[in-house]
Amino acid sequence: MAGIKQVRNKTLVPDLRKEGELTKDILLSTQNKHVGSAGSRLFSHHTLASVRRLSFYHPFFLPKDSLDFVLATTYNHSTERFPDKEDLYLQPETIGCDTWRRLRNTFDKLPPVIIPLGHPMKRGGIKERRSPFSVKLMNSGVHSSQTNPGYSRQPAGGAIFFY
């Protein structure tokens, strides 16, 4: 989705809800990172790596071996003729694609929804009303009025005359 902005997460615990789940709450000695002794602030502040190493953090998707790692790359052997060696290992999140994994301690900020008329009423209606008789079908009947401009079909004989 275009317009999503990644903003730095200034809280003590990173947001990893897309990656995995915590089976129990993280113990924090302080709720504010500017209040308390240096030791309690350091104990309460977590990084992405420190949360991922916790024993009660369980990721949703984890590559089991190097094959899973290579299959998740952005490299496509049928479209790229002469790839570099590092193209085989480029992951989508390193080139800016949105994936299940976070590389930085950020959260997504959605743009505000612009209401065109100042209220949430939807504008709708029919812009063009097409006649079902003006559609040229593949097997049209003999009684259709599809003649060339300038020509007319006489009702009596069926012959085409130019007027």
C-alpha atoms as a PDB file:
ATOM      1  CA  MET A   1       0.000   0.000   0.000  1.00  0.00           C
ATOM      2  CA  ALA A   2       1.464   3.338  -0.992  1.00  0.00           C
ATOM      3  CA  GLY A   3       1.875   6.074   1.544  1.00  0.00           C
ATOM      4  CA  ILE A   4       2.731   3.894   4.552  1.00  0.00           C
ATOM      5  CA  LYS A   5       5.489   5.592   6.513  1.00  0.00           C
ATOM      6  CA  GLN A   6       7.782   3.792   8.920  1.00  0.00           C
ATOM      7  CA  VAL A   7       8.255   5.749  12.151  1.00  0.00           C
ATOM      8  CA  ARG A   8      10.832   4.997  14.852  1.00  0.00           C
ATOM      9  CA  ASN A   9       9.425   3.071  17.789  1.00  0.00           C
ATOM     10  CA  LYS A  10      10.313   4.989  20.969  1.00  0.00           C
ATOM     11  CA  THR A  11       8.802   2.549  23.449  1.00  0.00           C
ATOM     12  CA  LEU A  12      10.779   0.107  25.580  1.00  0.00           C
ATOM     13  CA  VAL A  13       9.596  -3.059  23.798  1.00  0.00           C
ATOM     14  CA  PRO A  14       9.610  -3.424  19.978  1.00  0.00           C
ATOM     15  CA  ASP A  15       6.430  -4.350  18.129  1.00  0.00           C
ATOM     16  CA  LEU A  16       6.880  -7.885  16.738  1.00  0.00           C
ATOM     17  CA  ARG A  17       3.233  -8.922  16.326  1.00  0.00           C
ATOM     18  CA  LYS A  18       3.744  -9.723  12.618  1.00  0.00           C
ATOM     19  CA  GLU A  19       6.755 -11.963  13.347  1.00  0.00           C
ATOM     20  CA  GLY A  20       5.706 -14.026  16.328  1.00  0.00           C
ATOM     21  CA  GLU A  21       4.005 -14.131  19.698  1.00  0.00           C
ATOM     22  CA  LEU A  22       5.069 -13.735  23.304  1.00  0.00           C
ATOM     23  CA  THR A  23       3.548 -16.409  25.528  1.00  0.00           C
ATOM     24  CA  LYS A  24       4.020 -14.267  28.635  1.00  0.00           C
ATOM     25  CA  ASP A  25       4.592 -10.583  29.340  1.00  0.00           C
ATOM     26  CA  ILE A  26       8.069  -9.067  29.427  1.00  0.00           C
ATOM     27  CA  LEU A  27       9.130  -7.959  32.900  1.00  0.00           C
ATOM     28  CA  LEU A  28       9.897  -4.230  32.981  1.00  0.00           C
ATOM     29  CA  SER A  29      11.339  -2.483  36.039  1.00  0.00           C
ATOM     30  CA  THR A  30      10.266   0.934  34.750  1.00  0.00           C
ATOM     31  CA  GLN A  31       7.609   2.062  32.288  1.00  0.00           C
ATOM     32  CA  ASN A  32       9.400   5.260  31.288  1.00  0.00           C
ATOM     33  CA  LYS A  33      12.829   5.131  29.711  1.00  0.00           C
ATOM     34  CA  HIS A  34      13.810   8.535  31.165  1.00  0.00           C
ATOM     35  CA  VAL A  35      12.980   7.780  34.819  1.00  0.00           C
ATOM     36  CA  GLY A  36      14.919   5.564  37.216  1.00  0.00           C
ATOM     37  CA  SER A  37      18.467   4.418  37.606  1.00  0.00           C
ATOM     38  CA  ALA A  38      20.652   3.555  34.645  1.00  0.00           C
ATOM     39  CA  GLY A  39      20.524  -0.152  35.502  1.00  0.00           C
ATOM     40  CA  SER A  40      16.736  -0.324  35.578  1.00  0.00           C
ATOM     41  CA  ARG A  41      16.473   1.636  32.326  1.00  0.00           C
ATOM     42  CA  LEU A  42      18.981  -0.716  30.679  1.00  0.00           C
ATOM     43  CA  PHE A  43      17.141  -3.780  32.009  1.00  0.00           C
ATOM     44  CA  SER A  44      13.785  -2.517  30.700  1.00  0.00           C
ATOM     45  CA  HIS A  45      14.967  -1.462  27.227  1.00  0.00           C
ATOM     46  CA  HIS A  46      14.749  -4.241  24.618  1.00  0.00           C
ATOM     47  CA  THR A  47      16.013  -4.406  21.052  1.00  0.00           C
ATOM     48  CA  LEU A  48      14.716  -6.557  18.200  1.00  0.00           C
ATOM     49  CA  ALA A  49      17.477  -9.111  18.771  1.00  0.00           C
ATOM     50  CA  SER A  50      16.953  -9.300  22.532  1.00  0.00           C
ATOM     51  CA  VAL A  51      13.210  -9.953  22.172  1.00  0.00           C
ATOM     52  CA  ARG A  52      13.831 -12.590  19.504  1.00  0.00           C
ATOM     53  CA  ARG A  53      16.217 -14.422  21.885  1.00  0.00           C
ATOM     54  CA  LEU A  54      13.694 -14.666  24.727  1.00  0.00           C
ATOM     55  CA  SER A  55      12.643 -18.206  25.586  1.00  0.00           C
ATOM     56  CA  PHE A  56       8.938 -17.339  25.561  1.00  0.00           C
ATOM     57  CA  TYR A  57       9.029 -15.682  22.110  1.00  0.00           C
ATOM     58  CA  HIS A  58       7.824 -18.026  19.354  1.00  0.00           C
ATOM     59  CA  PRO A  59       8.201 -16.862  15.722  1.00  0.00           C
ATOM     60  CA  PHE A  60       5.523 -17.729  13.178  1.00  0.00           C
ATOM     61  CA  PHE A  61       7.926 -18.498  10.335  1.00  0.00           C
ATOM     62  CA  LEU A  62      11.514 -19.596  10.809  1.00  0.00           C
ATOM     63  CA  PRO A  63      13.737 -20.937   8.001  1.00  0.00           C
ATOM     64  CA  LYS A  64      14.783 -24.487   8.822  1.00  0.00           C
ATOM     65  CA  ASP A  65      17.849 -24.710   6.559  1.00  0.00           C
ATOM     66  CA  SER A  66      19.733 -22.891   3.812  1.00  0.00           C
ATOM     67  CA  LEU A  67      17.262 -24.077   1.159  1.00  0.00           C
ATOM     68  CA  ASP A  68      14.420 -22.147   2.827  1.00  0.00           C
ATOM     69  CA  PHE A  69      16.679 -19.111   2.950  1.00  0.00           C
ATOM     70  CA  VAL A  70      17.534 -19.326  -0.759  1.00  0.00           C
ATOM     71  CA  LEU A  71      13.900 -19.990  -1.785  1.00  0.00           C
ATOM     72  CA  ALA A  72      12.789 -16.798  -0.013  1.00  0.00           C
ATOM     73  CA  THR A  73      15.118 -14.588  -2.076  1.00  0.00           C
ATOM     74  CA  THR A  74      14.043 -12.110  -4.733  1.00  0.00           C
ATOM     75  CA  TYR A  75      16.185 -13.813  -7.381  1.00  0.00           C
ATOM     76  CA  ASN A  76      14.288 -15.445 -10.257  1.00  0.00           C
ATOM     77  CA  HIS A  77      16.465 -17.655 -12.460  1.00  0.00           C
ATOM     78  CA  SER A  78      14.045 -17.551 -15.391  1.00  0.00           C
ATOM     79  CA  THR A  79      14.170 -13.752 -15.793  1.00  0.00           C
ATOM     80  CA  GLU A  80      17.750 -12.862 -14.834  1.00  0.00           C
ATOM     81  CA  ARG A  81      20.395 -13.957 -17.328  1.00  0.00           C
ATOM     82  CA  PHE A  82      23.713 -13.243 -15.621  1.00  0.00           C
ATOM     83  CA  PRO A  83      23.138 -12.686 -11.895  1.00  0.00           C
ATOM     84  CA  ASP A  84      25.783 -11.609  -9.425  1.00  0.00           C
ATOM     85  CA  LYS A  85      26.719 -13.940  -6.585  1.00  0.00           C
ATOM     86  CA  GLU A  86      24.957 -11.789  -3.998  1.00  0.00           C
ATOM     87  CA  ASP A  87      21.664 -11.826  -5.966  1.00  0.00           C
ATOM     88  CA  LEU A  88      21.082 -15.414  -4.802  1.00  0.00           C
ATOM     89  CA  TYR A  89      20.917 -14.265  -1.172  1.00  0.00           C
ATOM     90  CA  LEU A  90      19.082 -10.902  -1.346  1.00  0.00           C
ATOM     91  CA  GLN A  91      16.006 -11.097   0.834  1.00  0.00           C
ATOM     92  CA  PRO A  92      12.885  -9.016   0.071  1.00  0.00           C
ATOM     93  CA  GLU A  93      13.083  -7.033   3.318  1.00  0.00           C
ATOM     94  CA  THR A  94      16.610  -5.815   2.505  1.00  0.00           C
ATOM     95  CA  ILE A  95      15.483  -4.201  -0.755  1.00  0.00           C
ATOM     96  CA  GLY A  96      12.446  -2.484   0.785  1.00  0.00           C
ATOM     97  CA  CYS A  97       9.568  -4.935   0.266  1.00  0.00           C
ATOM     98  CA  ASP A  98       7.082  -5.431   3.089  1.00  0.00           C
ATOM     99  CA  THR A  99       7.513  -8.917   4.585  1.00  0.00           C
ATOM    100  CA  TRP A 100       6.886 -10.734   7.834  1.00  0.00           C
ATOM    101  CA  ARG A 101      10.246  -9.668   9.319  1.00  0.00           C
ATOM    102  CA  ARG A 102      11.321  -6.290  10.726  1.00  0.00           C
ATOM    103  CA  LEU A 103      14.880  -5.045  10.251  1.00  0.00           C
ATOM    104  CA  ARG A 104      14.521  -1.851  12.286  1.00  0.00           C
ATOM    105  CA  ASN A 105      12.642  -0.976  15.432  1.00  0.00           C
ATOM    106  CA  THR A 106       9.865   0.895  13.632  1.00  0.00           C
ATOM    107  CA  PHE A 107       6.113   0.742  13.269  1.00  0.00           C
ATOM    108  CA  ASP A 108       3.914   1.507  10.269  1.00  0.00           C
ATOM    109  CA  LYS A 109       2.036   4.800  10.264  1.00  0.00           C
ATOM    110  CA  LEU A 110      -0.896   4.834   7.862  1.00  0.00           C
ATOM    111  CA  PRO A 111      -1.690   8.094   6.056  1.00  0.00           C
ATOM    112  CA  PRO A 112      -4.843   9.896   7.148  1.00  0.00           C
ATOM    113  CA  VAL A 113      -7.920   9.051   5.117  1.00  0.00           C
ATOM    114  CA  ILE A 114      -8.936  11.999   2.951  1.00  0.00           C
ATOM    115  CA  ILE A 115     -12.690  12.521   2.831  1.00  0.00           C
ATOM    116  CA  PRO A 116     -13.420  14.313  -0.465  1.00  0.00           C
ATOM    117  CA  LEU A 117     -16.579  16.223   0.491  1.00  0.00           C
ATOM    118  CA  GLY A 118     -15.853  16.690   4.182  1.00  0.00           C
ATOM    119  CA  HIS A 119     -18.257  13.955   5.270  1.00  0.00           C
ATOM    120  CA  PRO A 120     -18.192  10.172   4.919  1.00  0.00           C
ATOM    121  CA  MET A 121     -21.014   9.984   2.362  1.00  0.00           C
ATOM    122  CA  LYS A 122     -20.043   8.000  -0.710  1.00  0.00           C
ATOM    123  CA  ARG A 123     -20.586   9.361  -4.173  1.00  0.00           C
ATOM    124  CA  GLY A 124     -21.951   6.865  -6.604  1.00  0.00           C
ATOM    125  CA  GLY A 125     -24.206   6.486  -9.552  1.00  0.00           C
ATOM    126  CA  ILE A 126     -24.122   5.415 -13.153  1.00  0.00           C
ATOM    127  CA  LYS A 127     -21.701   7.366 -15.300  1.00  0.00           C
ATOM    128  CA  GLU A 128     -22.693   5.809 -18.615  1.00  0.00           C
ATOM    129  CA  ARG A 129     -25.810   3.907 -19.501  1.00  0.00           C
ATOM    130  CA  ARG A 130     -25.143   1.564 -22.390  1.00  0.00           C
ATOM    131  CA  SER A 131     -27.953   0.132 -24.410  1.00  0.00           C
ATOM    132  CA  PRO A 132     -27.954  -3.661 -24.637  1.00  0.00           C
ATOM    133  CA  PHE A 133     -29.050  -3.326 -28.272  1.00  0.00           C
ATOM    134  CA  SER A 134     -25.897  -1.435 -29.308  1.00  0.00           C
ATOM    135  CA  VAL A 135     -23.596  -4.288 -28.388  1.00  0.00           C
ATOM    136  CA  LYS A 136     -22.257  -6.130 -31.428  1.00  0.00           C
ATOM    137  CA  LEU A 137     -22.438  -9.804 -30.710  1.00  0.00           C
ATOM    138  CA  MET A 138     -20.612 -12.550 -32.510  1.00  0.00           C
ATOM    139  CA  ASN A 139     -23.699 -14.276 -33.862  1.00  0.00           C
ATOM    140  CA  SER A 140     -26.073 -11.444 -34.636  1.00  0.00           C
ATOM    141  CA  GLY A 141     -29.470 -12.084 -36.156  1.00  0.00           C
ATOM    142  CA  VAL A 142     -30.682 -11.158 -39.645  1.00  0.00           C
ATOM    143  CA  HIS A 143     -33.066  -8.528 -38.278  1.00  0.00           C
ATOM    144  CA  SER A 144     -30.416  -6.358 -36.681  1.00  0.00           C
ATOM    145  CA  SER A 145     -29.907  -2.818 -37.886  1.00  0.00           C
ATOM    146  CA  GLN A 146     -26.164  -3.112 -38.491  1.00  0.00           C
ATOM    147  CA  THR A 147     -25.713  -1.587 -41.905  1.00  0.00           C
ATOM    148  CA  ASN A 148     -22.946   0.547 -43.264  1.00  0.00           C
ATOM    149  CA  PRO A 149     -23.531   4.285 -43.088  1.00  0.00           C
ATOM    150  CA  GLY A 150     -25.085   5.538 -46.303  1.00  0.00           C
ATOM    151  CA  TYR A 151     -26.654   2.166 -47.129  1.00  0.00           C
ATOM    152  CA  SER A 152     -30.152   1.021 -46.318  1.00  0.00           C
ATOM    153  CA  ARG A 153     -31.931  -2.318 -46.544  1.00  0.00           C
ATOM    154  CA  GLN A 154     -35.216  -2.298 -48.352  1.00  0.00           C
ATOM    155  CA  PRO A 155     -37.957  -4.198 -46.533  1.00  0.00           C
ATOM    156  CA  ALA A 156     -39.462  -5.618 -49.708  1.00  0.00           C
ATOM    157  CA  GLY A 157     -36.639  -7.414 -51.489  1.00  0.00           C
ATOM    158  CA  GLY A 158     -33.828  -7.520 -48.996  1.00  0.00           C
ATOM    159  CA  ALA A 159     -31.381  -6.059 -51.527  1.00  0.00           C
ATOM    160  CA  ILE A 160     -28.990  -3.300 -50.489  1.00  0.00           C
ATOM    161  CA  PHE A 161     -29.305  -0.003 -52.319  1.00  0.00           C
ATOM    162  CA  PHE A 162     -27.078   3.045 -52.072  1.00  0.00           C
ATOM    163  CA  TYR A 163     -28.898   6.382 -51.748  1.00  0.00           C
END
